[in-house]
Amino acid sequence: MRSTFKQLYYINRSKVKTDGTTAVFCRITIDGKSSVLATGLYCNPDDFNSKKGEIKDVKQNGKLLKFRERIEQIYEQTLLKQKAVSSELLKNTIVGINSVPNTLLQGGAEELERLKNRSVEIKSRSTYRQSVLLHECLKQYIQSLNKEDFPFFDISEQFGLSYKTFLLKDLNCSTDKMNKCFCWLNRLIYIAVDREIIPTNPLEDIPYEKKKPPKLHHISRGELKQLMETPMEDPKLELARRMFVFSSLSGLAYVDLRNLHPHHIGKNAEGRLYIRQCRGKTKVEAFIPLHPIAGRILSLYNTDDDTKPVFPLPIRDIMWHEIHAVGNALNFRENLSHHLSRHTFGTLLLSEGIPIESIAKMMGHANISSTQIYAKVTDKKISDDMDKLMKRREKENRQ
């Protein structure tokens, strides 16, 4: 006798993501027994017709129709092969074919692919690159358990606590890196919760470790002057040197430097060059009056053709090696990175007495608390310098 087979599509209106969308689910019922699986589709709750099980968006609804047809085909094929089909058997078959991840490493691989595609859209690979490293730590932990992968429904609080111990003792991670690894694990679990693969996050009560105050590195005024006065023979190293100097005088992050176009550059009434650009990271507009040296560097590149960026820059990963090589050539105590130039910009401005509100505007900070970190750096330096002065005076008095 042929089974009674039904499909019902629905959404959970109480679970809406930050982007305003919610997941679309399919409930399969065979002979009165049901199983639920994620379709992998998302829509605005107002765009979903619960009675018809349809999405108003034509493109998304087309995908939903294909999903529905695919389930029908799998049901018919399974029935022909097995002679009898249960909702759970059909679900397991569909999950295998539709490849909705139900294990940690599979889920992480899918999320990494999404971040990789996103990095192309925003022209910044930093988040993707870091996530690859964090996922590798999770992979090492699962391998230490003599497993190839770990199902979401087997994750317990003990799993999370043991992972933290593994990160600290076996991988010798810093507190900051351990928190980032644990954040990646939570991210994958919450994606699984959102897809209703598991009902809740079993790790949500495990706290993160208290972070140490951030240590911002920067180069000194003397080192910046040395960098300005030492051109490089190699064209790639010279480009890296110029970009480090330019960002030390403008505070532009590398993604913003790559996205800088002639229309971002202007002149005020006095003929002073400035840059007005929304930051790629925070979407906050930065307004930066340019230092004359930064203006001279700008004049060496494209300031007319708005179809091309101002600077001919490679991806950040490539430039990192060039900037690092420049620092080695000059025997700097700090390993140079492009972000170091941004820290240098903020620290030097504060040491010159520029108001913190003005620096926040120039650096495009979404919150002034981000800028206040630089104030702590300069305060500590002033305190250290005063301590050195007092010790020198005491030594002189004893003599």
Protein backbone atom coordinates (compact mmCIF):
# COMPACT_ATOMS: atom_id res chain seq x y z
CA MET A 1 0.00 0.00 0.00
CA ARG A 2 1.31 3.44 -0.97
CA SER A 3 2.34 5.70 1.94
CA THR A 4 0.59 8.99 2.68
CA PHE A 5 3.21 11.63 1.88
CA LYS A 6 2.93 15.38 2.52
CA GLN A 7 5.25 18.39 2.52
CA LEU A 8 4.64 21.51 4.62
CA TYR A 9 6.80 24.61 4.35
CA TYR A 10 6.91 27.09 7.23
CA ILE A 11 9.01 29.68 9.06
CA ASN A 12 9.62 30.41 12.74
CA ARG A 13 8.65 34.07 13.09
CA SER A 14 10.17 34.26 16.58
CA LYS A 15 13.67 33.50 15.22
CA VAL A 16 14.68 36.42 13.02
CA LYS A 17 18.34 37.13 12.22
CA THR A 18 19.95 40.56 12.52
CA ASP A 19 19.54 41.10 8.77
CA GLY A 20 15.73 40.74 9.16
CA THR A 21 15.41 37.29 7.55
CA THR A 22 14.38 33.93 8.96
CA ALA A 23 14.97 30.35 7.84
CA VAL A 24 12.46 28.38 5.76
CA PHE A 25 11.86 24.81 6.93
CA CYS A 26 10.17 21.74 5.45
CA ARG A 27 8.11 19.30 7.51
CA ILE A 28 7.80 15.89 5.83
CA THR A 29 4.92 13.71 7.01
CA ILE A 30 4.61 10.05 6.04
CA ASP A 31 1.89 7.88 7.56
CA GLY A 32 1.34 10.38 10.36
CA LYS A 33 5.02 10.63 11.42
CA SER A 34 6.95 13.85 10.76
CA SER A 35 10.56 14.98 10.31
CA VAL A 36 11.80 18.53 9.86
CA LEU A 37 14.75 19.69 7.77
CA ALA A 38 16.22 23.04 6.76
CA THR A 39 15.85 24.15 3.15
CA GLY A 40 18.88 26.43 3.36
CA LEU A 41 16.65 29.33 2.21
CA TYR A 42 15.92 32.58 4.07
CA CYS A 43 13.31 35.28 3.59
CA ASN A 44 11.72 38.27 5.28
CA PRO A 45 8.85 36.99 7.49
CA ASP A 46 6.42 39.37 5.72
CA ASP A 47 7.36 37.81 2.37
CA PHE A 48 6.28 34.30 3.35
CA ASN A 49 2.77 33.04 2.56
CA SER A 50 2.07 30.43 5.26
CA LYS A 51 -1.10 29.11 3.61
CA LYS A 52 0.56 28.43 0.27
CA GLY A 53 4.06 27.74 1.62
CA GLU A 54 5.51 30.24 -0.86
CA ILE A 55 7.94 33.19 -0.84
CA LYS A 56 6.96 36.45 -2.54
CA ASP A 57 10.47 36.95 -3.91
CA VAL A 58 10.39 35.24 -7.32
CA LYS A 59 14.03 34.11 -7.26
CA GLN A 60 13.83 32.62 -3.75
CA ASN A 61 10.47 31.01 -4.49
CA GLY A 62 11.95 29.42 -7.61
CA LYS A 63 14.60 27.81 -5.43
CA LEU A 64 11.90 26.64 -3.02
CA LEU A 65 9.94 25.05 -5.88
CA LYS A 66 13.05 23.21 -7.04
CA PHE A 67 13.62 22.02 -3.47
CA ARG A 68 10.02 20.76 -3.32
CA GLU A 69 10.38 18.97 -6.67
CA ARG A 70 13.66 17.43 -5.59
CA ILE A 71 12.03 15.97 -2.46
CA GLU A 72 9.25 14.52 -4.61
CA GLN A 73 11.84 12.87 -6.86
CA ILE A 74 13.83 11.47 -3.93
CA TYR A 75 10.64 10.13 -2.37
CA GLU A 76 9.64 8.35 -5.58
CA GLN A 77 13.16 6.94 -6.08
CA THR A 78 13.43 5.76 -2.46
CA LEU A 79 9.98 4.21 -2.56
CA LEU A 80 10.84 2.36 -5.76
CA LYS A 81 14.09 1.07 -4.27
CA GLN A 82 13.07 0.40 -0.65
CA LYS A 83 9.35 -0.45 -1.23
CA ALA A 84 8.62 1.48 2.00
CA VAL A 85 9.63 4.95 3.15
CA SER A 86 9.59 6.59 6.60
CA SER A 87 9.89 10.32 7.22
CA GLU A 88 13.23 9.82 9.00
CA LEU A 89 14.66 7.72 6.16
CA LEU A 90 13.56 10.30 3.61
CA LYS A 91 15.03 13.12 5.71
CA ASN A 92 18.39 11.34 6.03
CA THR A 93 18.47 10.73 2.28
CA ILE A 94 17.62 14.37 1.52
CA VAL A 95 20.16 15.73 4.02
CA GLY A 96 22.84 13.62 2.40
CA ILE A 97 21.95 14.86 -1.08
CA ASN A 98 21.15 18.45 -0.14
CA SER A 99 24.31 18.55 2.05
CA VAL A 100 22.92 20.71 4.86
CA PRO A 101 25.84 20.32 7.30
CA ASN A 102 25.02 18.53 10.56
CA THR A 103 28.60 18.25 11.83
CA LEU A 104 31.06 20.87 13.08
CA LEU A 105 33.76 20.63 10.43
CA GLN A 106 31.23 20.41 7.59
CA GLY A 107 29.42 23.45 8.97
CA GLY A 108 32.72 25.28 9.34
CA ALA A 109 33.74 24.49 5.77
CA GLU A 110 30.43 25.90 4.49
CA GLU A 111 30.81 29.06 6.60
CA LEU A 112 34.40 29.52 5.39
CA GLU A 113 33.18 29.33 1.80
CA ARG A 114 30.60 32.02 2.55
CA LEU A 115 33.27 34.23 4.15
CA LYS A 116 35.58 33.64 1.19
CA ASN A 117 32.91 34.86 -1.23
CA ARG A 118 32.17 37.78 1.10
CA SER A 119 35.86 38.74 1.16
CA VAL A 120 35.74 39.20 -2.61
CA GLU A 121 32.68 41.48 -2.30
CA ILE A 122 34.21 43.74 0.38
CA LYS A 123 37.76 43.41 -1.00
CA SER A 124 39.21 42.38 2.35
CA ARG A 125 40.40 38.88 3.25
CA SER A 126 41.31 39.54 6.90
CA THR A 127 38.17 37.99 8.45
CA TYR A 128 38.30 34.99 6.12
CA ARG A 129 42.03 34.48 6.70
CA GLN A 130 41.63 34.56 10.49
CA SER A 131 38.60 32.24 10.37
CA VAL A 132 40.64 29.64 8.47
CA LEU A 133 43.18 29.61 11.32
CA LEU A 134 40.45 29.36 13.97
CA HIS A 135 38.79 26.47 12.13
CA GLU A 136 42.13 24.68 11.95
CA CYS A 137 42.36 24.80 15.77
CA LEU A 138 38.89 23.24 16.02
CA LYS A 139 39.93 20.56 13.54
CA GLN A 140 43.02 19.72 15.61
CA TYR A 141 40.88 19.37 18.74
CA ILE A 142 38.43 16.99 17.04
CA GLN A 143 41.36 14.95 15.70
CA SER A 144 42.75 14.76 19.27
CA LEU A 145 39.48 12.99 20.17
CA ASN A 146 40.27 10.40 17.47
CA LYS A 147 37.32 11.57 15.38
CA GLU A 148 37.12 12.83 11.80
CA ASP A 149 34.21 15.16 12.60
CA PHE A 150 31.76 15.86 15.43
CA PRO A 151 27.94 15.90 15.12
CA PHE A 152 26.18 19.03 16.38
CA PHE A 153 23.72 16.95 18.43
CA ASP A 154 26.62 15.32 20.37
CA ILE A 155 28.06 18.64 21.56
CA SER A 156 27.82 19.12 25.32
CA GLU A 157 29.04 21.67 27.84
CA GLN A 158 31.93 19.34 28.65
CA PHE A 159 32.94 19.42 24.98
CA GLY A 160 33.28 23.22 25.19
CA LEU A 161 35.18 23.18 28.50
CA SER A 162 37.59 20.52 27.19
CA TYR A 163 38.14 22.57 24.02
CA LYS A 164 39.20 25.60 26.09
CA THR A 165 41.65 23.44 28.03
CA PHE A 166 43.02 21.99 24.78
CA LEU A 167 43.59 25.49 23.36
CA LEU A 168 45.45 26.70 26.45
CA LYS A 169 47.54 23.64 27.26
CA ASP A 170 48.00 21.70 23.99
CA LEU A 171 48.10 24.58 21.52
CA ASN A 172 49.54 27.09 24.01
CA CYS A 173 47.09 29.77 22.83
CA SER A 174 46.93 33.21 24.40
CA THR A 175 43.73 34.21 26.19
CA ASP A 176 42.79 36.41 23.26
CA LYS A 177 43.26 33.65 20.67
CA MET A 178 41.42 31.12 22.87
CA ASN A 179 38.43 33.49 23.05
CA LYS A 180 38.47 33.88 19.27
CA CYS A 181 38.59 30.10 18.76
CA PHE A 182 35.70 29.64 21.20
CA CYS A 183 33.78 32.41 19.43
CA TRP A 184 34.19 30.55 16.10
CA LEU A 185 32.86 27.35 17.71
CA ASN A 186 29.84 29.24 19.09
CA ARG A 187 29.27 30.81 15.68
CA LEU A 188 28.99 27.39 14.02
CA ILE A 189 26.68 26.11 16.75
CA TYR A 190 24.35 29.12 16.51
CA ILE A 191 24.12 28.60 12.74
CA ALA A 192 23.04 25.02 13.47
CA VAL A 193 20.48 26.31 16.01
CA ASP A 194 19.18 28.78 13.43
CA ARG A 195 18.67 25.90 10.99
CA GLU A 196 16.98 23.86 13.75
CA ILE A 197 19.57 21.10 13.48
CA ILE A 198 19.79 21.36 17.28
CA PRO A 199 17.34 23.18 19.58
CA THR A 200 19.75 25.27 21.66
CA ASN A 201 23.44 26.08 22.10
CA PRO A 202 24.77 23.81 24.89
CA LEU A 203 27.79 26.11 25.36
CA GLU A 204 25.91 29.36 25.94
CA ASP A 205 26.60 29.33 29.71
CA ILE A 206 30.36 28.88 29.31
CA PRO A 207 31.99 32.31 29.83
CA TYR A 208 34.79 33.77 27.77
CA GLU A 209 38.06 34.48 29.57
CA LYS A 210 38.71 38.03 30.70
CA LYS A 211 40.70 39.81 28.03
CA LYS A 212 43.87 41.69 28.76
CA PRO A 213 43.89 45.37 27.76
CA PRO A 214 44.86 45.67 24.07
CA LYS A 215 48.49 46.46 23.42
CA LEU A 216 48.79 48.78 20.46
CA HIS A 217 52.16 48.89 18.77
CA HIS A 218 53.41 51.89 16.83
CA ILE A 219 56.69 53.20 15.51
CA SER A 220 58.38 56.27 16.94
CA ARG A 221 58.59 59.67 15.30
CA GLY A 222 62.30 59.02 14.62
CA GLU A 223 61.57 55.69 12.95
CA LEU A 224 58.88 57.28 10.79
CA LYS A 225 61.37 59.98 9.74
CA GLN A 226 63.93 57.28 8.91
CA LEU A 227 61.31 55.49 6.81
CA MET A 228 60.52 58.70 4.93
CA GLU A 229 64.20 59.35 4.19
CA THR A 230 65.06 55.81 2.98
CA PRO A 231 63.69 54.99 -0.48
CA MET A 232 63.87 51.37 -1.63
CA GLU A 233 65.43 50.24 -4.91
CA ASP A 234 62.96 47.39 -5.41
CA PRO A 235 59.68 48.83 -6.88
CA LYS A 236 57.48 46.57 -4.72
CA LEU A 237 59.30 47.49 -1.52
CA GLU A 238 59.17 51.16 -2.48
CA LEU A 239 55.40 50.95 -2.97
CA ALA A 240 55.09 49.29 0.45
CA ARG A 241 57.26 52.00 2.04
CA ARG A 242 55.20 54.79 0.52
CA MET A 243 51.91 53.20 1.57
CA PHE A 244 53.12 52.76 5.15
CA VAL A 245 54.18 56.42 5.29
CA PHE A 246 50.91 57.53 3.67
CA SER A 247 48.80 55.62 6.19
CA SER A 248 50.95 56.82 9.09
CA LEU A 249 49.99 60.35 8.00
CA SER A 250 46.36 59.63 7.08
CA GLY A 251 45.27 56.70 9.28
CA LEU A 252 43.70 54.79 6.37
CA ALA A 253 43.30 51.04 6.86
CA TYR A 254 44.56 48.86 4.01
CA VAL A 255 41.09 48.01 2.67
CA ASP A 256 40.28 51.75 2.54
CA LEU A 257 43.59 52.46 0.84
CA ARG A 258 42.76 49.87 -1.84
CA ASN A 259 39.28 51.32 -2.28
CA LEU A 260 40.50 54.94 -2.47
CA HIS A 261 39.39 56.61 -5.72
CA PRO A 262 39.95 60.14 -7.05
CA HIS A 263 36.40 61.22 -6.08
CA HIS A 264 37.34 60.69 -2.41
CA ILE A 265 39.95 63.46 -2.70
CA GLY A 266 39.04 67.14 -2.44
CA LYS A 267 40.38 70.60 -1.60
CA ASN A 268 39.13 73.10 0.94
CA ALA A 269 38.90 76.87 0.46
CA GLU A 270 42.59 77.28 1.35
CA GLY A 271 43.64 74.65 -1.23
CA ARG A 272 44.42 72.04 1.44
CA LEU A 273 43.94 68.44 0.25
CA TYR A 274 41.63 66.19 2.22
CA ILE A 275 40.13 62.70 1.96
CA ARG A 276 36.47 62.01 2.67
CA GLN A 277 35.67 58.28 2.58
CA CYS A 278 33.39 55.79 4.33
CA ARG A 279 35.44 53.10 6.06
CA GLY A 280 34.97 49.59 4.71
CA LYS A 281 34.86 48.12 8.21
CA THR A 282 32.52 50.45 10.11
CA LYS A 283 30.77 52.30 7.23
CA VAL A 284 31.54 55.49 9.20
CA GLU A 285 32.76 58.44 7.16
CA ALA A 286 36.35 59.53 7.80
CA PHE A 287 37.42 63.12 7.09
CA ILE A 288 41.21 63.50 6.87
CA PRO A 289 43.06 66.77 6.10
CA LEU A 290 46.22 65.55 4.40
CA HIS A 291 49.76 66.16 5.60
CA PRO A 292 51.90 67.77 2.83
CA ILE A 293 54.09 64.65 2.59
CA ALA A 294 50.98 62.49 2.13
CA GLY A 295 49.89 64.95 -0.56
CA ARG A 296 53.19 64.52 -2.39
CA ILE A 297 52.84 60.72 -2.32
CA LEU A 298 49.30 61.10 -3.64
CA SER A 299 50.54 63.19 -6.58
CA LEU A 300 52.66 60.26 -7.80
CA TYR A 301 49.58 58.14 -8.51
CA ASN A 302 46.17 58.25 -10.18
CA THR A 303 44.17 61.30 -9.06
CA ASP A 304 42.14 61.84 -12.26
CA ASP A 305 40.65 58.61 -13.62
CA ASP A 306 37.82 57.63 -11.27
CA THR A 307 37.33 54.27 -13.00
CA LYS A 308 40.53 53.10 -11.30
CA PRO A 309 41.74 53.28 -7.69
CA VAL A 310 44.38 55.83 -6.72
CA PHE A 311 47.03 53.27 -5.74
CA PRO A 312 47.93 50.07 -7.68
CA LEU A 313 47.80 47.80 -4.65
CA PRO A 314 47.82 43.99 -4.43
CA ILE A 315 45.76 42.04 -1.89
CA ARG A 316 46.71 42.59 1.73
CA ASP A 317 48.43 39.20 2.12
CA ILE A 318 50.98 40.08 -0.58
CA MET A 319 51.60 43.61 0.73
CA TRP A 320 52.17 42.25 4.25
CA HIS A 321 55.36 40.49 3.13
CA GLU A 322 56.65 43.64 1.40
CA ILE A 323 56.03 45.88 4.43
CA HIS A 324 57.62 43.27 6.69
CA ALA A 325 60.70 43.23 4.44
CA VAL A 326 60.97 47.05 4.60
CA GLY A 327 61.01 46.91 8.41
CA ASN A 328 63.72 44.24 8.36
CA ALA A 329 65.82 46.30 5.95
CA LEU A 330 65.72 49.24 8.36
CA ASN A 331 66.28 47.07 11.47
CA PHE A 332 63.12 48.31 13.20
CA ARG A 333 62.38 46.75 16.59
CA GLU A 334 58.72 46.21 15.65
CA ASN A 335 57.65 43.86 12.84
CA LEU A 336 56.00 46.25 10.41
CA SER A 337 52.44 45.64 9.28
CA HIS A 338 50.05 48.01 7.59
CA HIS A 339 47.82 48.22 10.66
CA LEU A 340 50.87 49.39 12.63
CA SER A 341 50.83 52.55 10.49
CA ARG A 342 47.22 53.24 11.56
CA HIS A 343 48.21 52.88 15.21
CA THR A 344 51.15 55.20 14.56
CA PHE A 345 48.79 57.82 13.09
CA GLY A 346 46.48 57.77 16.13
CA THR A 347 49.32 57.78 18.67
CA LEU A 348 51.27 60.62 17.04
CA LEU A 349 48.17 62.82 16.75
CA LEU A 350 47.33 62.38 20.43
CA SER A 351 50.92 63.09 21.46
CA GLU A 352 50.62 66.39 19.54
CA GLY A 353 47.56 67.38 21.58
CA ILE A 354 44.94 66.94 18.84
CA PRO A 355 41.45 66.60 20.46
CA ILE A 356 40.30 63.00 20.68
CA GLU A 357 36.99 63.87 18.95
CA SER A 358 38.90 65.13 15.89
CA ILE A 359 41.06 62.01 15.81
CA ALA A 360 37.94 59.80 16.00
CA LYS A 361 36.52 61.63 12.97
CA MET A 362 39.76 61.29 11.01
CA MET A 363 40.08 57.58 11.82
CA GLY A 364 36.43 56.83 11.08
CA HIS A 365 35.78 55.23 14.46
CA ALA A 366 32.17 54.24 15.10
CA ASN A 367 32.67 54.81 18.83
CA ILE A 368 35.01 57.23 20.57
CA SER A 369 35.97 54.46 23.02
CA SER A 370 38.03 52.96 20.17
CA THR A 371 40.00 56.21 19.98
CA GLN A 372 40.49 56.40 23.74
CA ILE A 373 42.74 53.31 23.53
CA TYR A 374 45.35 55.57 21.93
CA ALA A 375 45.02 57.99 24.84
CA LYS A 376 45.95 55.17 27.23
CA VAL A 377 49.02 54.42 25.12
CA THR A 378 50.23 58.03 25.18
CA ASP A 379 49.41 58.40 28.89
CA LYS A 380 51.54 55.36 29.68
CA LYS A 381 54.40 56.69 27.57
CA ILE A 382 54.26 60.06 29.34
CA SER A 383 54.26 58.26 32.70
CA ASP A 384 57.21 56.06 31.68
CA ASP A 385 59.15 59.07 30.38
CA MET A 386 58.53 60.92 33.65
CA ASP A 387 59.73 57.90 35.65
CA LYS A 388 62.94 57.84 33.61
CA LEU A 389 63.43 61.57 34.16
CA MET A 390 62.95 61.23 37.94
CA LYS A 391 65.41 58.34 38.13
CA ARG A 392 67.97 60.35 36.16
CA ARG A 393 67.53 63.35 38.49
CA GLU A 394 67.93 61.14 41.58
CA LYS A 395 71.13 59.69 40.15
CA GLU A 396 72.48 63.17 39.41
CA ASN A 397 71.67 64.36 42.95
CA ARG A 398 73.49 61.40 44.51
CA GLN A 399 76.59 62.28 42.51
